[in-house]
C-alpha atoms as a PDB file:
ATOM      1  CA  MET A   1    -105.534  17.514 -85.007  1.00  0.00           C
ATOM      2  CA  ARG A   2    -103.704  18.325 -81.792  1.00  0.00           C
ATOM      3  CA  PHE A   3    -102.290  21.795 -81.178  1.00  0.00           C
ATOM      4  CA  SER A   4     -98.780  21.616 -79.783  1.00  0.00           C
ATOM      5  CA  MET A   5     -97.593  24.262 -77.337  1.00  0.00           C
ATOM      6  CA  LYS A   6     -94.356  24.834 -75.497  1.00  0.00           C
ATOM      7  CA  LYS A   7     -94.757  24.277 -71.768  1.00  0.00           C
ATOM      8  CA  VAL A   8     -93.239  26.404 -68.999  1.00  0.00           C
ATOM      9  CA  LEU A   9     -93.354  25.768 -65.252  1.00  0.00           C
ATOM     10  CA  SER A  10     -93.170  28.420 -62.548  1.00  0.00           C
ATOM     11  CA  ILE A  11     -91.904  27.380 -59.108  1.00  0.00           C
ATOM     12  CA  ALA A  12     -92.616  30.375 -56.915  1.00  0.00           C
ATOM     13  CA  GLY A  13     -94.762  32.048 -54.293  1.00  0.00           C
ATOM     14  CA  SER A  14     -98.389  33.023 -54.717  1.00  0.00           C
ATOM     15  CA  ASP A  15     -99.434  36.697 -54.681  1.00  0.00           C
ATOM     16  CA  CYS A  16    -103.092  37.005 -53.698  1.00  0.00           C
ATOM     17  CA  SER A  17    -103.275  40.522 -55.184  1.00  0.00           C
ATOM     18  CA  GLY A  18    -102.463  39.093 -58.625  1.00  0.00           C
ATOM     19  CA  GLY A  19     -99.588  41.354 -59.628  1.00  0.00           C
ATOM     20  CA  ALA A  20     -96.513  39.281 -58.813  1.00  0.00           C
ATOM     21  CA  GLY A  21     -95.462  35.708 -58.090  1.00  0.00           C
ATOM     22  CA  VAL A  22     -97.122  32.764 -59.745  1.00  0.00           C
ATOM     23  CA  GLN A  23    -100.079  34.891 -60.827  1.00  0.00           C
ATOM     24  CA  ALA A  24     -97.827  37.231 -62.815  1.00  0.00           C
ATOM     25  CA  ASP A  25     -95.910  34.267 -64.209  1.00  0.00           C
ATOM     26  CA  LEU A  26     -99.009  32.527 -65.550  1.00  0.00           C
ATOM     27  CA  LYS A  27    -100.282  35.746 -67.124  1.00  0.00           C
ATOM     28  CA  THR A  28     -96.923  36.264 -68.809  1.00  0.00           C
ATOM     29  CA  PHE A  29     -96.803  32.702 -70.116  1.00  0.00           C
ATOM     30  CA  SER A  30    -100.282  33.075 -71.599  1.00  0.00           C
ATOM     31  CA  ALA A  31     -99.483  36.434 -73.167  1.00  0.00           C
ATOM     32  CA  LEU A  32     -96.398  34.997 -74.869  1.00  0.00           C
ATOM     33  CA  GLY A  33     -98.097  31.879 -76.196  1.00  0.00           C
ATOM     34  CA  VAL A  34     -96.786  29.090 -73.973  1.00  0.00           C
ATOM     35  CA  PHE A  35     -98.695  26.739 -71.686  1.00  0.00           C
ATOM     36  CA  GLY A  36     -98.122  27.776 -68.074  1.00  0.00           C
ATOM     37  CA  MET A  37     -97.993  25.534 -65.015  1.00  0.00           C
ATOM     38  CA  SER A  38     -97.214  26.305 -61.389  1.00  0.00           C
ATOM     39  CA  VAL A  39     -95.737  24.887 -58.224  1.00  0.00           C
ATOM     40  CA  ILE A  40     -96.698  26.952 -55.176  1.00  0.00           C
ATOM     41  CA  VAL A  41     -93.805  27.169 -52.715  1.00  0.00           C
ATOM     42  CA  SER A  42     -95.193  29.881 -50.425  1.00  0.00           C
ATOM     43  CA  VAL A  43     -98.533  31.591 -49.929  1.00  0.00           C
ATOM     44  CA  VAL A  44     -97.968  35.318 -49.575  1.00  0.00           C
ATOM     45  CA  ALA A  45    -100.622  37.667 -48.208  1.00  0.00           C
ATOM     46  CA  GLU A  46     -99.677  40.906 -49.930  1.00  0.00           C
ATOM     47  CA  ASN A  47    -101.108  43.786 -51.868  1.00  0.00           C
ATOM     48  CA  THR A  48     -99.718  46.861 -53.627  1.00  0.00           C
ATOM     49  CA  THR A  49     -98.719  48.508 -50.333  1.00  0.00           C
ATOM     50  CA  ARG A  50     -97.364  45.786 -48.023  1.00  0.00           C
ATOM     51  CA  VAL A  51     -96.637  42.149 -47.238  1.00  0.00           C
ATOM     52  CA  ILE A  52     -98.919  40.976 -44.433  1.00  0.00           C
ATOM     53  CA  GLY A  53     -97.716  37.402 -44.012  1.00  0.00           C
ATOM     54  CA  ILE A  54     -95.937  34.437 -45.569  1.00  0.00           C
ATOM     55  CA  GLN A  55     -96.709  30.744 -45.103  1.00  0.00           C
ATOM     56  CA  ASP A  56     -94.461  28.180 -46.749  1.00  0.00           C
ATOM     57  CA  VAL A  57     -95.795  25.012 -48.317  1.00  0.00           C
ATOM     58  CA  THR A  58     -94.156  21.897 -46.894  1.00  0.00           C
ATOM     59  CA  PRO A  59     -91.069  20.685 -48.792  1.00  0.00           C
ATOM     60  CA  ASP A  60     -92.761  17.338 -49.387  1.00  0.00           C
ATOM     61  CA  MET A  61     -95.681  19.056 -51.103  1.00  0.00           C
ATOM     62  CA  VAL A  62     -93.304  21.149 -53.193  1.00  0.00           C
ATOM     63  CA  GLU A  63     -91.672  17.945 -54.428  1.00  0.00           C
ATOM     64  CA  LYS A  64     -95.016  16.301 -55.141  1.00  0.00           C
ATOM     65  CA  GLN A  65     -96.206  19.267 -57.216  1.00  0.00           C
ATOM     66  CA  ILE A  66     -93.035  19.128 -59.308  1.00  0.00           C
ATOM     67  CA  ASP A  67     -93.431  15.365 -59.731  1.00  0.00           C
ATOM     68  CA  ALA A  68     -97.042  15.841 -60.836  1.00  0.00           C
ATOM     69  CA  VAL A  69     -95.969  18.181 -63.618  1.00  0.00           C
ATOM     70  CA  PHE A  70     -92.980  16.242 -64.896  1.00  0.00           C
ATOM     71  CA  GLU A  71     -94.400  12.723 -64.765  1.00  0.00           C
ATOM     72  CA  ASP A  72     -97.230  13.736 -67.078  1.00  0.00           C
ATOM     73  CA  ILE A  73     -96.738  16.986 -68.986  1.00  0.00           C
ATOM     74  CA  GLY A  74     -93.077  17.928 -68.681  1.00  0.00           C
ATOM     75  CA  ALA A  75     -91.639  21.399 -69.190  1.00  0.00           C
ATOM     76  CA  ASP A  76     -89.584  23.038 -71.936  1.00  0.00           C
ATOM     77  CA  ALA A  77     -88.391  25.629 -69.442  1.00  0.00           C
ATOM     78  CA  VAL A  78     -88.651  26.283 -65.709  1.00  0.00           C
ATOM     79  CA  LYS A  79     -88.754  29.647 -63.978  1.00  0.00           C
ATOM     80  CA  VAL A  80     -87.880  29.646 -60.279  1.00  0.00           C
ATOM     81  CA  GLY A  81     -89.012  32.608 -58.223  1.00  0.00           C
ATOM     82  CA  MET A  82     -89.525  33.120 -54.505  1.00  0.00           C
ATOM     83  CA  LEU A  83     -87.939  30.445 -52.310  1.00  0.00           C
ATOM     84  CA  SER A  84     -88.099  31.762 -48.771  1.00  0.00           C
ATOM     85  CA  SER A  85     -86.582  28.874 -46.790  1.00  0.00           C
ATOM     86  CA  ALA A  86     -83.641  26.514 -47.123  1.00  0.00           C
ATOM     87  CA  GLU A  87     -86.031  23.571 -46.855  1.00  0.00           C
ATOM     88  CA  CYS A  88     -88.049  24.681 -49.886  1.00  0.00           C
ATOM     89  CA  MET A  89     -84.832  25.442 -51.733  1.00  0.00           C
ATOM     90  CA  ALA A  90     -83.534  21.938 -51.046  1.00  0.00           C
ATOM     91  CA  ALA A  91     -86.762  20.348 -52.299  1.00  0.00           C
ATOM     92  CA  THR A  92     -86.703  22.440 -55.478  1.00  0.00           C
ATOM     93  CA  ALA A  93     -83.010  21.816 -56.169  1.00  0.00           C
ATOM     94  CA  LYS A  94     -83.447  18.074 -55.646  1.00  0.00           C
ATOM     95  CA  LYS A  95     -86.172  17.841 -58.279  1.00  0.00           C
ATOM     96  CA  LEU A  96     -84.469  20.150 -60.779  1.00  0.00           C
ATOM     97  CA  LEU A  97     -81.392  17.949 -60.602  1.00  0.00           C
ATOM     98  CA  PHE A  98     -83.534  14.835 -61.054  1.00  0.00           C
ATOM     99  CA  TYR A  99     -85.617  16.056 -64.008  1.00  0.00           C
ATOM    100  CA  ALA A 100     -82.899  18.249 -65.593  1.00  0.00           C
ATOM    101  CA  PRO A 101     -85.115  20.601 -67.636  1.00  0.00           C
ATOM    102  CA  GLU A 102     -83.432  22.136 -70.675  1.00  0.00           C
ATOM    103  CA  HIS A 103     -83.822  25.754 -69.548  1.00  0.00           C
ATOM    104  CA  VAL A 104     -83.846  27.019 -65.960  1.00  0.00           C
ATOM    105  CA  VAL A 105     -84.324  30.724 -65.227  1.00  0.00           C
ATOM    106  CA  ILE A 106     -83.885  31.671 -61.579  1.00  0.00           C
ATOM    107  CA  ASP A 107     -85.058  34.980 -60.182  1.00  0.00           C
ATOM    108  CA  PRO A 108     -83.424  35.350 -56.728  1.00  0.00           C
ATOM    109  CA  VAL A 109     -86.421  36.993 -55.069  1.00  0.00           C
ATOM    110  CA  MET A 110     -85.116  38.524 -51.858  1.00  0.00           C
ATOM    111  CA  TYR A 111     -87.329  41.575 -51.365  1.00  0.00           C
ATOM    112  CA  ALA A 112     -90.867  42.657 -52.172  1.00  0.00           C
ATOM    113  CA  LYS A 113     -91.411  45.893 -54.098  1.00  0.00           C
ATOM    114  CA  GLY A 114     -91.902  47.746 -50.822  1.00  0.00           C
ATOM    115  CA  GLY A 115     -88.687  46.325 -49.369  1.00  0.00           C
ATOM    116  CA  ALA A 116     -90.097  43.535 -47.190  1.00  0.00           C
ATOM    117  CA  PRO A 117     -87.768  40.494 -47.087  1.00  0.00           C
ATOM    118  CA  LEU A 118     -89.041  37.437 -48.989  1.00  0.00           C
ATOM    119  CA  MET A 119     -85.970  35.223 -48.520  1.00  0.00           C
ATOM    120  CA  ARG A 120     -84.932  34.376 -44.987  1.00  0.00           C
ATOM    121  CA  GLU A 121     -81.523  35.761 -44.099  1.00  0.00           C
ATOM    122  CA  ASP A 122     -80.319  32.359 -42.925  1.00  0.00           C
ATOM    123  CA  ALA A 123     -81.283  30.817 -46.297  1.00  0.00           C
ATOM    124  CA  VAL A 124     -79.218  33.102 -48.545  1.00  0.00           C
ATOM    125  CA  SER A 125     -75.992  31.110 -48.185  1.00  0.00           C
ATOM    126  CA  PHE A 126     -77.869  27.885 -48.942  1.00  0.00           C
ATOM    127  CA  PHE A 127     -79.380  29.505 -52.023  1.00  0.00           C
ATOM    128  CA  VAL A 128     -75.923  30.442 -53.292  1.00  0.00           C
ATOM    129  CA  ARG A 129     -74.579  26.960 -52.651  1.00  0.00           C
ATOM    130  CA  ALA A 130     -77.471  24.740 -53.762  1.00  0.00           C
ATOM    131  CA  VAL A 131     -79.811  26.671 -56.068  1.00  0.00           C
ATOM    132  CA  LEU A 132     -77.848  29.364 -57.903  1.00  0.00           C
ATOM    133  CA  PRO A 133     -75.567  26.881 -59.751  1.00  0.00           C
ATOM    134  CA  LEU A 134     -78.648  25.299 -61.350  1.00  0.00           C
ATOM    135  CA  ALA A 135     -79.477  28.491 -63.263  1.00  0.00           C
ATOM    136  CA  ASP A 136     -78.996  28.730 -66.985  1.00  0.00           C
ATOM    137  CA  VAL A 137     -79.891  32.381 -66.432  1.00  0.00           C
ATOM    138  CA  LEU A 138     -79.971  34.209 -63.088  1.00  0.00           C
ATOM    139  CA  THR A 139     -81.875  37.527 -63.045  1.00  0.00           C
ATOM    140  CA  PRO A 140     -81.090  39.620 -59.939  1.00  0.00           C
ATOM    141  CA  ASN A 141     -82.114  43.242 -59.674  1.00  0.00           C
ATOM    142  CA  ILE A 142     -79.564  45.695 -58.279  1.00  0.00           C
ATOM    143  CA  PRO A 143     -80.334  45.180 -54.545  1.00  0.00           C
ATOM    144  CA  GLU A 144     -80.235  41.404 -55.045  1.00  0.00           C
ATOM    145  CA  ALA A 145     -77.017  41.611 -57.055  1.00  0.00           C
ATOM    146  CA  GLU A 146     -75.467  43.731 -54.313  1.00  0.00           C
ATOM    147  CA  ALA A 147     -76.443  41.160 -51.685  1.00  0.00           C
ATOM    148  CA  LEU A 148     -75.126  38.238 -53.721  1.00  0.00           C
ATOM    149  CA  ALA A 149     -71.900  39.873 -54.907  1.00  0.00           C
ATOM    150  CA  GLY A 150     -71.133  41.831 -51.759  1.00  0.00           C
ATOM    151  CA  LEU A 151     -70.616  44.910 -53.912  1.00  0.00           C
ATOM    152  CA  LYS A 152     -72.263  48.327 -53.854  1.00  0.00           C
ATOM    153  CA  ILE A 153     -73.574  49.086 -57.349  1.00  0.00           C
ATOM    154  CA  LYS A 154     -73.418  52.754 -58.353  1.00  0.00           C
ATOM    155  CA  ASN A 155     -72.942  52.620 -62.129  1.00  0.00           C
ATOM    156  CA  PRO A 156     -72.924  50.258 -65.143  1.00  0.00           C
ATOM    157  CA  ALA A 157     -69.326  49.256 -64.473  1.00  0.00           C
ATOM    158  CA  ASP A 158     -70.382  48.043 -61.019  1.00  0.00           C
ATOM    159  CA  MET A 159     -73.235  46.101 -62.616  1.00  0.00           C
ATOM    160  CA  ARG A 160     -70.768  44.348 -64.909  1.00  0.00           C
ATOM    161  CA  LYS A 161     -68.442  43.585 -62.003  1.00  0.00           C
ATOM    162  CA  ALA A 162     -71.290  42.180 -59.902  1.00  0.00           C
ATOM    163  CA  ALA A 163     -72.397  40.014 -62.831  1.00  0.00           C
ATOM    164  CA  GLU A 164     -68.867  38.585 -63.087  1.00  0.00           C
ATOM    165  CA  ILE A 165     -68.740  37.824 -59.358  1.00  0.00           C
ATOM    166  CA  ILE A 166     -72.143  36.129 -59.394  1.00  0.00           C
ATOM    167  CA  HIS A 167     -71.264  34.169 -62.527  1.00  0.00           C
ATOM    168  CA  GLY A 168     -68.282  32.813 -60.629  1.00  0.00           C
ATOM    169  CA  MET A 169     -70.694  31.235 -58.146  1.00  0.00           C
ATOM    170  CA  GLY A 170     -71.754  28.710 -60.778  1.00  0.00           C
ATOM    171  CA  CYS A 171     -74.620  29.933 -62.971  1.00  0.00           C
ATOM    172  CA  LYS A 172     -74.200  29.953 -66.756  1.00  0.00           C
ATOM    173  CA  ASN A 173     -75.510  33.461 -67.458  1.00  0.00           C
ATOM    174  CA  VAL A 174     -76.270  36.450 -65.240  1.00  0.00           C
ATOM    175  CA  ILE A 175     -78.534  39.366 -66.101  1.00  0.00           C
ATOM    176  CA  VAL A 176     -78.303  42.256 -63.644  1.00  0.00           C
ATOM    177  CA  LYS A 177     -81.465  44.275 -64.148  1.00  0.00           C
ATOM    178  CA  GLY A 178     -81.260  48.048 -64.081  1.00  0.00           C
ATOM    179  CA  GLY A 179     -84.726  48.938 -62.880  1.00  0.00           C
ATOM    180  CA  HIS A 180     -83.361  50.251 -59.565  1.00  0.00           C
ATOM    181  CA  ALA A 181     -80.585  52.296 -61.204  1.00  0.00           C
ATOM    182  CA  ALA A 182     -80.648  56.043 -61.685  1.00  0.00           C
ATOM    183  CA  GLY A 183     -81.314  57.178 -65.233  1.00  0.00           C
ATOM    184  CA  ASP A 184     -82.138  54.644 -67.905  1.00  0.00           C
ATOM    185  CA  ALA A 185     -83.207  51.139 -66.876  1.00  0.00           C
ATOM    186  CA  ASP A 186     -80.419  49.310 -68.714  1.00  0.00           C
ATOM    187  CA  ASP A 187     -79.702  45.616 -68.062  1.00  0.00           C
ATOM    188  CA  VAL A 188     -76.351  43.843 -68.238  1.00  0.00           C
ATOM    189  CA  LEU A 189     -75.882  40.233 -69.372  1.00  0.00           C
ATOM    190  CA  PHE A 190     -72.654  38.332 -68.664  1.00  0.00           C
ATOM    191  CA  ASP A 191     -72.234  34.884 -70.211  1.00  0.00           C
ATOM    192  CA  GLY A 192     -68.818  34.102 -68.808  1.00  0.00           C
ATOM    193  CA  ALA A 193     -66.969  35.594 -71.761  1.00  0.00           C
ATOM    194  CA  ARG A 194     -68.647  38.857 -72.765  1.00  0.00           C
ATOM    195  CA  HIS A 195     -70.940  41.543 -71.428  1.00  0.00           C
ATOM    196  CA  TYR A 196     -74.039  42.641 -73.331  1.00  0.00           C
ATOM    197  CA  SER A 197     -76.178  45.669 -72.576  1.00  0.00           C
ATOM    198  CA  PHE A 198     -79.924  45.998 -73.097  1.00  0.00           C
ATOM    199  CA  SER A 199     -81.173  49.557 -73.033  1.00  0.00           C
ATOM    200  CA  GLY A 200     -84.455  50.356 -71.374  1.00  0.00           C
ATOM    201  CA  GLU A 201     -86.587  53.465 -71.159  1.00  0.00           C
ATOM    202  CA  ARG A 202     -87.128  54.848 -67.671  1.00  0.00           C
ATOM    203  CA  ILE A 203     -90.908  55.092 -67.298  1.00  0.00           C
ATOM    204  CA  ASN A 204     -92.163  57.518 -64.663  1.00  0.00           C
ATOM    205  CA  THR A 205     -94.662  55.335 -62.795  1.00  0.00           C
ATOM    206  CA  GLN A 206     -95.113  53.647 -59.442  1.00  0.00           C
ATOM    207  CA  ASN A 207     -96.943  50.741 -61.100  1.00  0.00           C
ATOM    208  CA  THR A 208     -94.076  48.268 -61.137  1.00  0.00           C
ATOM    209  CA  HIS A 209     -95.340  45.517 -58.832  1.00  0.00           C
ATOM    210  CA  GLY A 210     -94.241  42.139 -60.182  1.00  0.00           C
ATOM    211  CA  THR A 211     -91.857  43.423 -62.851  1.00  0.00           C
ATOM    212  CA  GLY A 212     -89.067  41.054 -61.803  1.00  0.00           C
ATOM    213  CA  CYS A 213     -91.413  38.073 -61.859  1.00  0.00           C
ATOM    214  CA  THR A 214     -92.783  39.152 -65.215  1.00  0.00           C
ATOM    215  CA  TYR A 215     -89.342  39.626 -66.765  1.00  0.00           C
ATOM    216  CA  SER A 216     -87.964  36.262 -65.637  1.00  0.00           C
ATOM    217  CA  SER A 217     -91.123  34.501 -66.785  1.00  0.00           C
ATOM    218  CA  ALA A 218     -90.946  36.202 -70.173  1.00  0.00           C
ATOM    219  CA  LEU A 219     -87.314  35.140 -70.437  1.00  0.00           C
ATOM    220  CA  ALA A 220     -88.210  31.517 -69.651  1.00  0.00           C
ATOM    221  CA  ALA A 221     -91.036  31.592 -72.189  1.00  0.00           C
ATOM    222  CA  CYS A 222     -88.747  32.965 -74.904  1.00  0.00           C
ATOM    223  CA  LEU A 223     -86.120  30.301 -74.175  1.00  0.00           C
ATOM    224  CA  ALA A 224     -88.809  27.616 -74.407  1.00  0.00           C
ATOM    225  CA  LEU A 225     -89.838  29.042 -77.778  1.00  0.00           C
ATOM    226  CA  GLY A 226     -86.328  28.463 -79.090  1.00  0.00           C
ATOM    227  CA  HIS A 227     -84.628  31.838 -78.725  1.00  0.00           C
ATOM    228  CA  GLY A 228     -81.033  32.078 -77.539  1.00  0.00           C
ATOM    229  CA  VAL A 229     -80.239  33.810 -74.263  1.00  0.00           C
ATOM    230  CA  ARG A 230     -79.380  37.200 -75.821  1.00  0.00           C
ATOM    231  CA  GLU A 231     -82.472  37.269 -78.038  1.00  0.00           C
ATOM    232  CA  ALA A 232     -84.682  36.023 -75.203  1.00  0.00           C
ATOM    233  CA  ALA A 233     -83.332  38.751 -72.920  1.00  0.00           C
ATOM    234  CA  ALA A 234     -84.091  41.416 -75.518  1.00  0.00           C
ATOM    235  CA  LYS A 235     -87.626  40.130 -76.100  1.00  0.00           C
ATOM    236  CA  ALA A 236     -88.322  39.831 -72.360  1.00  0.00           C
ATOM    237  CA  LYS A 237     -87.072  43.384 -71.857  1.00  0.00           C
ATOM    238  CA  GLU A 238     -89.362  44.651 -74.595  1.00  0.00           C
ATOM    239  CA  TYR A 239     -92.354  42.798 -73.166  1.00  0.00           C
ATOM    240  CA  VAL A 240     -91.961  43.998 -69.570  1.00  0.00           C
ATOM    241  CA  THR A 241     -91.257  47.583 -70.671  1.00  0.00           C
ATOM    242  CA  ASP A 242     -94.482  47.617 -72.694  1.00  0.00           C
ATOM    243  CA  ALA A 243     -96.369  46.111 -69.744  1.00  0.00           C
ATOM    244  CA  ILE A 244     -95.045  48.865 -67.460  1.00  0.00           C
ATOM    245  CA  ARG A 245     -95.762  51.606 -69.986  1.00  0.00           C
ATOM    246  CA  HIS A 246     -99.425  50.614 -70.149  1.00  0.00           C
ATOM    247  CA  ALA A 247     -99.934  49.616 -66.506  1.00  0.00           C
ATOM    248  CA  PRO A 248    -103.487  49.999 -65.235  1.00  0.00           C
ATOM    249  CA  ASP A 249    -104.195  52.183 -62.210  1.00  0.00           C
ATOM    250  CA  ILE A 250    -104.893  49.472 -59.639  1.00  0.00           C
ATOM    251  CA  GLY A 251    -104.235  49.628 -55.902  1.00  0.00           C
ATOM    252  CA  LYS A 252    -103.019  52.337 -53.539  1.00  0.00           C
ATOM    253  CA  GLY A 253     -99.302  51.578 -53.789  1.00  0.00           C
ATOM    254  CA  HIS A 254     -97.039  49.950 -56.369  1.00  0.00           C
ATOM    255  CA  GLY A 255     -99.674  48.737 -58.805  1.00  0.00           C
ATOM    256  CA  PRO A 256     -99.358  45.820 -61.238  1.00  0.00           C
ATOM    257  CA  VAL A 257     -98.293  46.019 -64.866  1.00  0.00           C
ATOM    258  CA  HIS A 258    -100.547  45.177 -67.826  1.00  0.00           C
ATOM    259  CA  HIS A 259     -99.556  41.676 -68.912  1.00  0.00           C
ATOM    260  CA  PHE A 260    -102.180  41.525 -71.678  1.00  0.00           C
ATOM    261  CA  TYR A 261    -101.992  45.043 -73.091  1.00  0.00           C
ATOM    262  CA  ASP A 262    -100.961  43.905 -76.563  1.00  0.00           C
ATOM    263  CA  LEU A 263    -103.680  41.240 -76.714  1.00  0.00           C
ATOM    264  CA  TYR A 264    -106.328  43.664 -75.485  1.00  0.00           C
ATOM    265  CA  ALA A 265    -105.229  46.228 -78.071  1.00  0.00           C
ATOM    266  CA  LYS A 266    -105.338  43.677 -80.905  1.00  0.00           C
ATOM    267  CA  ALA A 267    -108.842  42.669 -79.803  1.00  0.00           C
ATOM    268  CA  GLY A 268    -109.969  46.264 -79.925  1.00  0.00           C
ATOM    269  CA  VAL A 269    -110.695  46.382 -76.188  1.00  0.00           C
ATOM    270  CA  LEU A 270    -108.049  49.068 -75.672  1.00  0.00           C
ATOM    271  CA  LYS A 271    -106.711  51.786 -77.900  1.00  0.00           C
ATOM    272  CA  ARG A 272    -102.992  51.573 -78.681  1.00  0.00           C
ATOM    273  CA  ASN A 273    -100.860  54.548 -77.683  1.00  0.00           C
END
């Protein structure tokens, strides 16, 4: 008897320190019960304190990795993360248009946790034109939403306005994440008709490396599992908040979250708190 699993593909950069990028995506997929696959677009030498270097994979190899996944296994959802260059963006967009996966979650990764740029400045306009419209859900944080919308975000009303502006660029749903806001870490979803708010506890920790990657991957996994966008957003928010709350103390800077806390607790390896 074969065991059927939903399948989710991450198209993103690799984080050698294991807290963000494809590594965080695959951990999230496993924790949420879907089969994870990956297409490496860039190799990033980074840790919890800094980004040391970035080397892009050739666009041809990006396309071949996507072909390898879809010609054999397929994907119930795709999460797109770091795309640093217009060339890699073009290769990714070409294949997403060709294979037309049912759910596409795009995290517009522009900056590392420490502020280092991860998307080339000259590629942002190409991203808006060629990649952003392919998103069923786009998940910018506040700095990314400000860059995309050309709007300074100071309060929830600004978050809603930015979501409306970005939605007008062609994506179906926009979730502006509130992790960079003052006060509570509330998110705002705009689906083209209504705004929805997702409240989030502000956790006093510096261990937030890879939270954006983790959230967008959790969202893609929940969509693959059959949840609607609003329910998937709520479940992804709950998952990443729990992962932050129980983050291990790893590294000298912004440490990673605990993707498997719930599984470890159920196995008796860790004590719930």
